[in-house]
Amino acid sequence: MKKLLRHPSSSFAAAGLAAAALTLSLGGCTPKTDDTKITWSESTSEAVDLMTKARGTFGINGTPTAVWLDPRSEMLYEAGHIPGALNLPFPRLEAEHTAALKGVDVIVVYGTDYEDTLVKAVAKRLISLNYEEVYILRGGLKAWTRDGNTVEAGPAKPKETESDGAESENGTR
């Protein structure tokens, strides 16, 4: 009787294929979000309109729950941010997005200026996390102040509960 000999690498290949199949079946790969899925708001007034305009036929669906999202560091946020903005630095996005953005329909991400690559990365990540209405304010804080809007300084305020219901000066919660 002949003995069949296996090449040692064949068992490693089989194990590798099995691991790859298991990873795919458990959702290890997520669809890639490319730059074409990013929507830019060309002006601060357009961004405010996206956040406050009533939805549906004749506005029957009401206004969306919207948030300005500042993904910069806490230090930069405290130096100056859009009034009422949520500070969620990129390193904390994965862990905190579910609680921080619960019930939010429209997210407008902004950064410091026109060449802020961080906001693009955050917007792409939010899209890949299945947030549908994610926009980037082109020009960020630089455009915001250029258009005559005020900037707030200081630490983030505690998140309001639904019972508080107060709106900020730019019409967002």
N, C-alpha and C. Protein backbone atom coordinates (compact mmCIF):
# COMPACT_ATOMS: atom_id res chain seq x y z
N MET A 1 0.83 -1.17 0.00
CA MET A 1 0.00 0.00 0.00
C MET A 1 0.88 1.24 0.00
N LYS A 2 0.48 2.18 -0.86
CA LYS A 2 1.26 3.42 -0.95
C LYS A 2 0.75 4.42 0.06
N LYS A 3 1.67 5.12 0.66
CA LYS A 3 1.32 6.16 1.60
C LYS A 3 1.30 7.50 0.86
N LEU A 4 0.20 8.26 1.01
CA LEU A 4 0.13 9.57 0.39
C LEU A 4 0.80 10.59 1.28
N LEU A 5 1.69 11.34 0.70
CA LEU A 5 2.37 12.39 1.44
C LEU A 5 1.78 13.74 1.05
N ARG A 6 1.52 14.54 2.00
CA ARG A 6 1.01 15.89 1.75
C ARG A 6 2.15 16.87 1.87
N HIS A 7 2.06 17.86 1.04
CA HIS A 7 3.03 18.95 1.14
C HIS A 7 2.61 19.80 2.33
N PRO A 8 3.55 20.21 3.21
CA PRO A 8 3.18 20.96 4.42
C PRO A 8 2.43 22.26 4.12
N SER A 9 2.71 22.90 2.99
CA SER A 9 2.06 24.18 2.70
C SER A 9 0.59 24.00 2.31
N SER A 10 0.19 22.80 1.87
CA SER A 10 -1.20 22.62 1.48
C SER A 10 -2.14 22.72 2.68
N SER A 11 -1.73 22.27 3.86
CA SER A 11 -2.58 22.39 5.04
C SER A 11 -2.67 23.84 5.50
N PHE A 12 -1.57 24.60 5.32
CA PHE A 12 -1.61 26.03 5.66
C PHE A 12 -2.54 26.77 4.71
N ALA A 13 -2.51 26.42 3.43
CA ALA A 13 -3.38 27.06 2.45
C ALA A 13 -4.84 26.78 2.76
N ALA A 14 -5.14 25.52 3.12
CA ALA A 14 -6.52 25.16 3.45
C ALA A 14 -6.98 25.93 4.70
N ALA A 15 -6.11 26.05 5.68
CA ALA A 15 -6.46 26.79 6.89
C ALA A 15 -6.68 28.26 6.57
N GLY A 16 -5.85 28.80 5.70
CA GLY A 16 -5.99 30.21 5.30
C GLY A 16 -7.30 30.46 4.57
N LEU A 17 -7.68 29.55 3.67
CA LEU A 17 -8.95 29.67 2.96
C LEU A 17 -10.14 29.57 3.91
N ALA A 18 -10.05 28.67 4.87
CA ALA A 18 -11.12 28.52 5.84
C ALA A 18 -11.27 29.78 6.69
N ALA A 19 -10.15 30.37 7.10
CA ALA A 19 -10.19 31.60 7.90
C ALA A 19 -10.77 32.76 7.09
N ALA A 20 -10.40 32.85 5.82
CA ALA A 20 -10.92 33.92 4.95
C ALA A 20 -12.44 33.77 4.77
N ALA A 21 -12.89 32.52 4.56
CA ALA A 21 -14.32 32.29 4.40
C ALA A 21 -15.09 32.65 5.67
N LEU A 22 -14.54 32.31 6.82
CA LEU A 22 -15.18 32.63 8.09
C LEU A 22 -15.25 34.14 8.29
N THR A 23 -14.16 34.83 7.98
CA THR A 23 -14.14 36.29 8.13
C THR A 23 -15.19 36.94 7.25
N LEU A 24 -15.31 36.51 6.01
CA LEU A 24 -16.30 37.08 5.09
C LEU A 24 -17.72 36.78 5.56
N SER A 25 -17.94 35.59 6.06
CA SER A 25 -19.29 35.24 6.49
C SER A 25 -19.71 35.99 7.75
N LEU A 26 -18.75 36.44 8.55
CA LEU A 26 -19.05 37.19 9.75
C LEU A 26 -19.08 38.70 9.51
N GLY A 27 -18.95 39.09 8.26
CA GLY A 27 -19.02 40.52 7.95
C GLY A 27 -17.71 41.24 8.15
N GLY A 28 -16.60 40.58 7.99
CA GLY A 28 -15.29 41.19 8.19
C GLY A 28 -14.96 42.25 7.17
N CYS A 29 -15.55 42.20 6.00
CA CYS A 29 -15.28 43.20 4.98
C CYS A 29 -16.47 44.13 4.86
N THR A 30 -16.20 45.40 4.78
CA THR A 30 -17.26 46.38 4.60
C THR A 30 -17.07 47.05 3.26
N PRO A 31 -18.15 47.54 2.66
CA PRO A 31 -18.01 48.18 1.37
C PRO A 31 -17.15 49.44 1.49
N LYS A 32 -16.35 49.66 0.48
CA LYS A 32 -15.48 50.83 0.48
C LYS A 32 -16.30 52.06 0.11
N THR A 33 -16.06 53.14 0.84
CA THR A 33 -16.73 54.40 0.56
C THR A 33 -15.74 55.28 -0.17
N ASP A 34 -16.10 55.65 -1.39
CA ASP A 34 -15.19 56.50 -2.14
C ASP A 34 -15.65 57.96 -2.12
N ASP A 35 -14.82 58.82 -2.67
CA ASP A 35 -15.08 60.26 -2.64
C ASP A 35 -16.36 60.66 -3.38
N THR A 36 -16.83 59.84 -4.30
CA THR A 36 -18.03 60.21 -5.06
C THR A 36 -19.28 60.19 -4.19
N LYS A 37 -19.21 59.54 -3.03
CA LYS A 37 -20.38 59.47 -2.14
C LYS A 37 -20.46 60.66 -1.20
N ILE A 38 -19.44 61.51 -1.22
CA ILE A 38 -19.41 62.69 -0.35
C ILE A 38 -20.21 63.81 -1.00
N THR A 39 -21.05 64.47 -0.21
CA THR A 39 -21.81 65.62 -0.68
C THR A 39 -21.28 66.86 0.02
N TRP A 40 -20.91 67.85 -0.78
CA TRP A 40 -20.36 69.09 -0.25
C TRP A 40 -21.45 70.15 -0.19
N SER A 41 -21.47 70.90 0.89
CA SER A 41 -22.31 72.07 0.99
C SER A 41 -21.42 73.24 0.58
N GLU A 42 -21.82 73.94 -0.46
CA GLU A 42 -20.97 74.97 -1.04
C GLU A 42 -20.94 76.27 -0.24
N SER A 43 -21.91 76.48 0.65
CA SER A 43 -21.93 77.70 1.44
C SER A 43 -22.53 77.43 2.80
N THR A 44 -22.28 78.34 3.72
CA THR A 44 -22.85 78.16 5.05
C THR A 44 -24.37 78.28 5.02
N SER A 45 -24.89 79.16 4.16
CA SER A 45 -26.35 79.30 4.08
C SER A 45 -26.99 78.04 3.51
N GLU A 46 -26.32 77.40 2.56
CA GLU A 46 -26.83 76.13 2.02
C GLU A 46 -26.83 75.05 3.11
N ALA A 47 -25.77 75.01 3.92
CA ALA A 47 -25.69 74.02 5.00
C ALA A 47 -26.80 74.24 6.03
N VAL A 48 -27.03 75.48 6.41
CA VAL A 48 -28.10 75.79 7.36
C VAL A 48 -29.44 75.39 6.76
N ASP A 49 -29.62 75.65 5.47
CA ASP A 49 -30.87 75.28 4.80
C ASP A 49 -31.08 73.77 4.81
N LEU A 50 -30.01 73.00 4.56
CA LEU A 50 -30.11 71.53 4.60
C LEU A 50 -30.55 71.05 5.98
N MET A 51 -30.13 71.78 6.99
CA MET A 51 -30.39 71.36 8.37
C MET A 51 -31.74 71.82 8.90
N THR A 52 -32.33 72.83 8.27
CA THR A 52 -33.54 73.42 8.85
C THR A 52 -34.77 73.39 7.95
N LYS A 53 -34.58 73.08 6.69
CA LYS A 53 -35.70 73.11 5.74
C LYS A 53 -36.64 71.93 5.98
N ALA A 54 -37.93 72.22 6.00
CA ALA A 54 -38.94 71.18 6.20
C ALA A 54 -38.88 70.17 5.05
N ARG A 55 -39.14 68.93 5.37
CA ARG A 55 -39.04 67.83 4.40
C ARG A 55 -40.42 67.38 3.94
N GLY A 56 -40.44 66.73 2.79
CA GLY A 56 -41.67 66.15 2.28
C GLY A 56 -42.52 67.17 1.55
N THR A 57 -43.60 66.70 0.95
CA THR A 57 -44.53 67.55 0.22
C THR A 57 -45.12 68.58 1.17
N PHE A 58 -44.97 69.84 0.82
CA PHE A 58 -45.46 70.96 1.62
C PHE A 58 -44.90 70.94 3.05
N GLY A 59 -43.75 70.32 3.23
CA GLY A 59 -43.12 70.29 4.55
C GLY A 59 -43.81 69.42 5.57
N ILE A 60 -44.62 68.48 5.08
CA ILE A 60 -45.43 67.65 5.97
C ILE A 60 -44.59 66.79 6.93
N ASN A 61 -43.35 66.46 6.54
CA ASN A 61 -42.51 65.62 7.39
C ASN A 61 -41.74 66.42 8.44
N GLY A 62 -41.93 67.73 8.44
CA GLY A 62 -41.28 68.56 9.45
C GLY A 62 -39.80 68.77 9.16
N THR A 63 -39.13 69.43 10.08
CA THR A 63 -37.70 69.69 9.91
C THR A 63 -36.90 68.51 10.45
N PRO A 64 -35.74 68.28 9.85
CA PRO A 64 -34.93 67.15 10.31
C PRO A 64 -34.22 67.49 11.62
N THR A 65 -33.83 66.46 12.33
CA THR A 65 -32.95 66.63 13.47
C THR A 65 -31.55 66.68 12.89
N ALA A 66 -30.85 67.76 13.13
CA ALA A 66 -29.56 67.97 12.47
C ALA A 66 -28.49 68.36 13.47
N VAL A 67 -27.24 68.13 13.09
CA VAL A 67 -26.13 68.46 13.96
C VAL A 67 -24.93 68.93 13.13
N TRP A 68 -24.25 69.93 13.66
CA TRP A 68 -22.94 70.31 13.14
C TRP A 68 -21.96 69.39 13.85
N LEU A 69 -21.11 68.70 13.11
CA LEU A 69 -20.15 67.77 13.71
C LEU A 69 -18.74 68.30 13.51
N ASP A 70 -18.07 68.55 14.61
CA ASP A 70 -16.69 69.04 14.61
C ASP A 70 -15.78 67.89 15.01
N PRO A 71 -15.03 67.31 14.06
CA PRO A 71 -14.19 66.15 14.37
C PRO A 71 -12.78 66.52 14.83
N ARG A 72 -12.54 67.80 15.01
CA ARG A 72 -11.20 68.23 15.42
C ARG A 72 -10.94 67.88 16.88
N SER A 73 -9.72 68.09 17.32
CA SER A 73 -9.36 67.80 18.71
C SER A 73 -10.16 68.68 19.66
N GLU A 74 -10.24 68.26 20.91
CA GLU A 74 -10.94 69.05 21.92
C GLU A 74 -10.31 70.44 22.05
N MET A 75 -8.98 70.51 21.94
CA MET A 75 -8.28 71.78 22.07
C MET A 75 -8.71 72.75 20.96
N LEU A 76 -8.77 72.28 19.72
CA LEU A 76 -9.20 73.14 18.62
C LEU A 76 -10.67 73.51 18.75
N TYR A 77 -11.49 72.56 19.17
CA TYR A 77 -12.91 72.82 19.38
C TYR A 77 -13.10 73.92 20.42
N GLU A 78 -12.39 73.82 21.53
CA GLU A 78 -12.52 74.80 22.60
C GLU A 78 -12.03 76.18 22.16
N ALA A 79 -11.10 76.24 21.22
CA ALA A 79 -10.59 77.52 20.73
C ALA A 79 -11.64 78.24 19.89
N GLY A 80 -12.53 77.50 19.26
CA GLY A 80 -13.59 78.11 18.47
C GLY A 80 -14.33 77.09 17.64
N HIS A 81 -15.67 77.15 17.69
CA HIS A 81 -16.51 76.21 16.94
C HIS A 81 -17.85 76.86 16.60
N ILE A 82 -18.57 76.24 15.69
CA ILE A 82 -19.91 76.69 15.35
C ILE A 82 -20.81 76.51 16.58
N PRO A 83 -21.59 77.52 16.94
CA PRO A 83 -22.45 77.40 18.12
C PRO A 83 -23.35 76.15 18.05
N GLY A 84 -23.34 75.40 19.13
CA GLY A 84 -24.17 74.20 19.22
C GLY A 84 -23.55 72.97 18.59
N ALA A 85 -22.35 73.08 18.03
CA ALA A 85 -21.72 71.93 17.35
C ALA A 85 -21.34 70.83 18.34
N LEU A 86 -21.40 69.62 17.85
CA LEU A 86 -21.00 68.44 18.61
C LEU A 86 -19.53 68.17 18.32
N ASN A 87 -18.72 68.06 19.36
CA ASN A 87 -17.31 67.71 19.18
C ASN A 87 -17.16 66.20 19.33
N LEU A 88 -16.82 65.55 18.24
CA LEU A 88 -16.58 64.11 18.24
C LEU A 88 -15.30 63.85 17.45
N PRO A 89 -14.15 63.96 18.14
CA PRO A 89 -12.87 63.76 17.44
C PRO A 89 -12.80 62.40 16.75
N PHE A 90 -12.16 62.38 15.61
CA PHE A 90 -12.09 61.18 14.78
C PHE A 90 -11.67 59.93 15.55
N PRO A 91 -10.68 60.00 16.45
CA PRO A 91 -10.30 58.77 17.18
C PRO A 91 -11.43 58.18 18.03
N ARG A 92 -12.41 59.01 18.42
CA ARG A 92 -13.53 58.52 19.24
C ARG A 92 -14.76 58.17 18.41
N LEU A 93 -14.73 58.42 17.12
CA LEU A 93 -15.91 58.25 16.26
C LEU A 93 -16.48 56.83 16.33
N GLU A 94 -15.64 55.85 16.15
CA GLU A 94 -16.11 54.45 16.15
C GLU A 94 -16.83 54.08 17.44
N ALA A 95 -16.27 54.47 18.56
CA ALA A 95 -16.81 54.07 19.85
C ALA A 95 -18.05 54.87 20.26
N GLU A 96 -18.16 56.12 19.81
CA GLU A 96 -19.19 56.99 20.34
C GLU A 96 -20.28 57.43 19.36
N HIS A 97 -20.15 57.08 18.08
CA HIS A 97 -21.11 57.60 17.09
C HIS A 97 -22.55 57.18 17.37
N THR A 98 -22.77 55.97 17.83
CA THR A 98 -24.14 55.50 18.04
C THR A 98 -24.87 56.35 19.09
N ALA A 99 -24.23 56.58 20.20
CA ALA A 99 -24.86 57.38 21.26
C ALA A 99 -24.91 58.86 20.89
N ALA A 100 -23.83 59.36 20.33
CA ALA A 100 -23.74 60.80 20.03
C ALA A 100 -24.68 61.23 18.91
N LEU A 101 -24.94 60.35 17.96
CA LEU A 101 -25.74 60.72 16.79
C LEU A 101 -27.11 60.05 16.76
N LYS A 102 -27.53 59.52 17.89
CA LYS A 102 -28.83 58.85 17.97
C LYS A 102 -29.95 59.82 17.60
N GLY A 103 -30.78 59.43 16.65
CA GLY A 103 -31.92 60.24 16.25
C GLY A 103 -31.60 61.40 15.32
N VAL A 104 -30.35 61.51 14.88
CA VAL A 104 -29.95 62.61 14.00
C VAL A 104 -30.20 62.22 12.55
N ASP A 105 -30.87 63.11 11.81
CA ASP A 105 -31.17 62.86 10.39
C ASP A 105 -30.10 63.43 9.47
N VAL A 106 -29.62 64.63 9.78
CA VAL A 106 -28.68 65.34 8.91
C VAL A 106 -27.43 65.68 9.71
N ILE A 107 -26.28 65.34 9.15
CA ILE A 107 -24.99 65.63 9.78
C ILE A 107 -24.19 66.50 8.82
N VAL A 108 -23.76 67.67 9.30
CA VAL A 108 -22.87 68.52 8.52
C VAL A 108 -21.53 68.55 9.25
N VAL A 109 -20.53 67.98 8.61
CA VAL A 109 -19.19 67.90 9.18
C VAL A 109 -18.40 69.13 8.71
N TYR A 110 -17.65 69.72 9.60
CA TYR A 110 -16.82 70.86 9.22
C TYR A 110 -15.48 70.77 9.91
N GLY A 111 -14.51 71.43 9.34
CA GLY A 111 -13.17 71.48 9.91
C GLY A 111 -12.70 72.91 10.02
N THR A 112 -11.40 73.10 9.92
CA THR A 112 -10.83 74.43 10.10
C THR A 112 -10.91 75.29 8.85
N ASP A 113 -10.60 74.68 7.68
CA ASP A 113 -10.57 75.48 6.46
C ASP A 113 -10.85 74.63 5.22
N TYR A 114 -10.42 75.11 4.08
CA TYR A 114 -10.75 74.47 2.81
C TYR A 114 -9.99 73.18 2.54
N GLU A 115 -8.83 73.00 3.11
CA GLU A 115 -8.00 71.83 2.81
C GLU A 115 -7.95 70.84 3.98
N ASP A 116 -9.01 70.73 4.72
CA ASP A 116 -9.04 69.87 5.89
C ASP A 116 -9.39 68.44 5.48
N THR A 117 -8.38 67.57 5.42
CA THR A 117 -8.61 66.18 4.99
C THR A 117 -9.33 65.36 6.06
N LEU A 118 -9.26 65.80 7.30
CA LEU A 118 -9.93 65.09 8.39
C LEU A 118 -11.43 65.01 8.17
N VAL A 119 -12.05 66.10 7.72
CA VAL A 119 -13.50 66.10 7.54
C VAL A 119 -13.93 65.12 6.46
N LYS A 120 -13.11 65.00 5.44
CA LYS A 120 -13.41 64.05 4.36
C LYS A 120 -13.37 62.62 4.91
N ALA A 121 -12.37 62.32 5.72
CA ALA A 121 -12.26 60.98 6.31
C ALA A 121 -13.44 60.69 7.23
N VAL A 122 -13.85 61.67 8.02
CA VAL A 122 -14.98 61.48 8.94
C VAL A 122 -16.27 61.28 8.16
N ALA A 123 -16.49 62.10 7.14
CA ALA A 123 -17.71 61.96 6.32
C ALA A 123 -17.77 60.59 5.67
N LYS A 124 -16.66 60.13 5.12
CA LYS A 124 -16.63 58.81 4.49
C LYS A 124 -16.91 57.71 5.51
N ARG A 125 -16.36 57.86 6.71
CA ARG A 125 -16.59 56.84 7.74
C ARG A 125 -18.05 56.84 8.17
N LEU A 126 -18.65 58.01 8.33
CA LEU A 126 -20.07 58.08 8.70
C LEU A 126 -20.95 57.44 7.63
N ILE A 127 -20.63 57.68 6.36
CA ILE A 127 -21.38 57.07 5.26
C ILE A 127 -21.25 55.55 5.33
N SER A 128 -20.04 55.07 5.61
CA SER A 128 -19.85 53.61 5.70
C SER A 128 -20.54 53.02 6.92
N LEU A 129 -20.84 53.86 7.91
CA LEU A 129 -21.59 53.41 9.09
C LEU A 129 -23.10 53.56 8.90
N ASN A 130 -23.50 53.80 7.65
CA ASN A 130 -24.90 53.87 7.22
C ASN A 130 -25.66 55.14 7.60
N TYR A 131 -24.97 56.22 7.84
CA TYR A 131 -25.66 57.51 7.99
C TYR A 131 -25.92 58.00 6.57
N GLU A 132 -27.17 58.37 6.30
CA GLU A 132 -27.56 58.67 4.92
C GLU A 132 -27.34 60.11 4.50
N GLU A 133 -27.61 61.05 5.38
CA GLU A 133 -27.47 62.46 5.01
C GLU A 133 -26.27 63.07 5.72
N VAL A 134 -25.12 62.92 5.09
CA VAL A 134 -23.87 63.45 5.60
C VAL A 134 -23.34 64.45 4.58
N TYR A 135 -23.06 65.65 5.05
CA TYR A 135 -22.56 66.71 4.18
C TYR A 135 -21.29 67.28 4.78
N ILE A 136 -20.48 67.89 3.94
CA ILE A 136 -19.29 68.60 4.40
C ILE A 136 -19.46 70.07 4.07
N LEU A 137 -19.22 70.92 5.05
CA LEU A 137 -19.24 72.36 4.81
C LEU A 137 -17.91 72.75 4.18
N ARG A 138 -17.94 73.08 2.90
CA ARG A 138 -16.72 73.47 2.19
C ARG A 138 -16.19 74.76 2.80
N GLY A 139 -14.95 74.70 3.25
CA GLY A 139 -14.32 75.87 3.86
C GLY A 139 -14.37 75.88 5.37
N GLY A 140 -15.20 75.03 5.96
CA GLY A 140 -15.25 74.88 7.41
C GLY A 140 -15.45 76.18 8.16
N LEU A 141 -14.73 76.32 9.27
CA LEU A 141 -14.85 77.52 10.10
C LEU A 141 -14.43 78.78 9.37
N LYS A 142 -13.48 78.65 8.47
CA LYS A 142 -13.04 79.82 7.70
C LYS A 142 -14.21 80.38 6.89
N ALA A 143 -14.96 79.51 6.22
CA ALA A 143 -16.12 79.95 5.44
C ALA A 143 -17.22 80.46 6.38
N TRP A 144 -17.41 79.80 7.51
CA TRP A 144 -18.43 80.19 8.48
C TRP A 144 -18.21 81.63 8.93
N THR A 145 -16.98 81.96 9.33
CA THR A 145 -16.69 83.31 9.81
C THR A 145 -16.65 84.31 8.65
N ARG A 146 -16.19 83.89 7.49
CA ARG A 146 -16.17 84.77 6.32
C ARG A 146 -17.57 85.25 5.98
N ASP A 147 -18.56 84.39 6.20
CA ASP A 147 -19.95 84.74 5.90
C ASP A 147 -20.62 85.52 7.04
N GLY A 148 -19.85 85.92 8.03
CA GLY A 148 -20.37 86.77 9.10
C GLY A 148 -21.03 86.04 10.25
N ASN A 149 -20.87 84.75 10.33
CA ASN A 149 -21.46 83.97 11.43
C ASN A 149 -20.56 84.01 12.66
N THR A 150 -21.16 83.83 13.82
CA THR A 150 -20.39 83.87 15.06
C THR A 150 -19.77 82.52 15.37
N VAL A 151 -18.69 82.57 16.13
CA VAL A 151 -17.99 81.38 16.59
C VAL A 151 -18.05 81.39 18.11
N GLU A 152 -18.24 80.22 18.68
CA GLU A 152 -18.32 80.06 20.13
C GLU A 152 -17.02 79.43 20.61
N ALA A 153 -16.54 79.84 21.76
CA ALA A 153 -15.34 79.24 22.34
C ALA A 153 -15.71 78.53 23.63
N GLY A 154 -14.87 77.61 24.03
CA GLY A 154 -15.09 76.91 25.29
C GLY A 154 -15.38 75.44 25.07
N PRO A 155 -15.46 74.70 26.18
CA PRO A 155 -15.69 73.26 26.08
C PRO A 155 -17.10 72.92 25.60
N ALA A 156 -17.25 71.70 25.19
CA ALA A 156 -18.55 71.21 24.73
C ALA A 156 -19.54 71.23 25.88
N LYS A 157 -20.76 71.62 25.57
CA LYS A 157 -21.83 71.60 26.57
C LYS A 157 -22.41 70.20 26.63
N PRO A 158 -22.93 69.81 27.78
CA PRO A 158 -23.56 68.48 27.86
C PRO A 158 -24.70 68.37 26.86
N LYS A 159 -24.86 67.17 26.30
CA LYS A 159 -25.90 66.93 25.31
C LYS A 159 -27.27 67.09 25.95
N GLU A 160 -28.15 67.84 25.26
CA GLU A 160 -29.50 68.03 25.77
C GLU A 160 -30.33 66.78 25.54
N THR A 161 -31.26 66.55 26.44
CA THR A 161 -32.17 65.42 26.25
C THR A 161 -33.34 65.90 25.43
N GLU A 162 -34.13 64.97 24.92
CA GLU A 162 -35.28 65.32 24.10
C GLU A 162 -36.28 66.18 24.88
N SER A 163 -36.34 66.00 26.19
CA SER A 163 -37.30 66.78 26.97
C SER A 163 -36.87 68.24 27.07
N ASP A 164 -35.54 68.50 26.96
CA ASP A 164 -35.06 69.88 26.97
C ASP A 164 -35.56 70.58 25.72
N GLY A 165 -35.33 69.94 24.55
CA GLY A 165 -35.88 70.40 23.29
C GLY A 165 -35.43 71.76 22.83
N ALA A 166 -34.50 72.40 23.47
CA ALA A 166 -34.07 73.73 23.06
C ALA A 166 -33.30 73.67 21.76
N GLU A 167 -33.48 74.69 20.94
CA GLU A 167 -32.74 74.77 19.69
C GLU A 167 -31.68 75.83 19.81
N SER A 168 -30.56 75.65 19.09
CA SER A 168 -29.50 76.65 19.09
C SER A 168 -29.90 77.78 18.15
N GLU A 169 -29.06 78.80 18.11
CA GLU A 169 -29.39 79.96 17.29
C GLU A 169 -29.42 79.67 15.80
N ASN A 170 -28.80 78.57 15.37
CA ASN A 170 -28.83 78.26 13.93
C ASN A 170 -29.89 77.21 13.59
N GLY A 171 -30.82 76.97 14.51
CA GLY A 171 -31.97 76.10 14.22
C GLY A 171 -31.73 74.63 14.40
N THR A 172 -30.57 74.24 14.99
CA THR A 172 -30.30 72.82 15.18
C THR A 172 -30.36 72.49 16.66
N ARG A 173 -30.44 71.21 16.95
CA ARG A 173 -30.49 70.76 18.34
C ARG A 173 -29.11 70.43 18.82
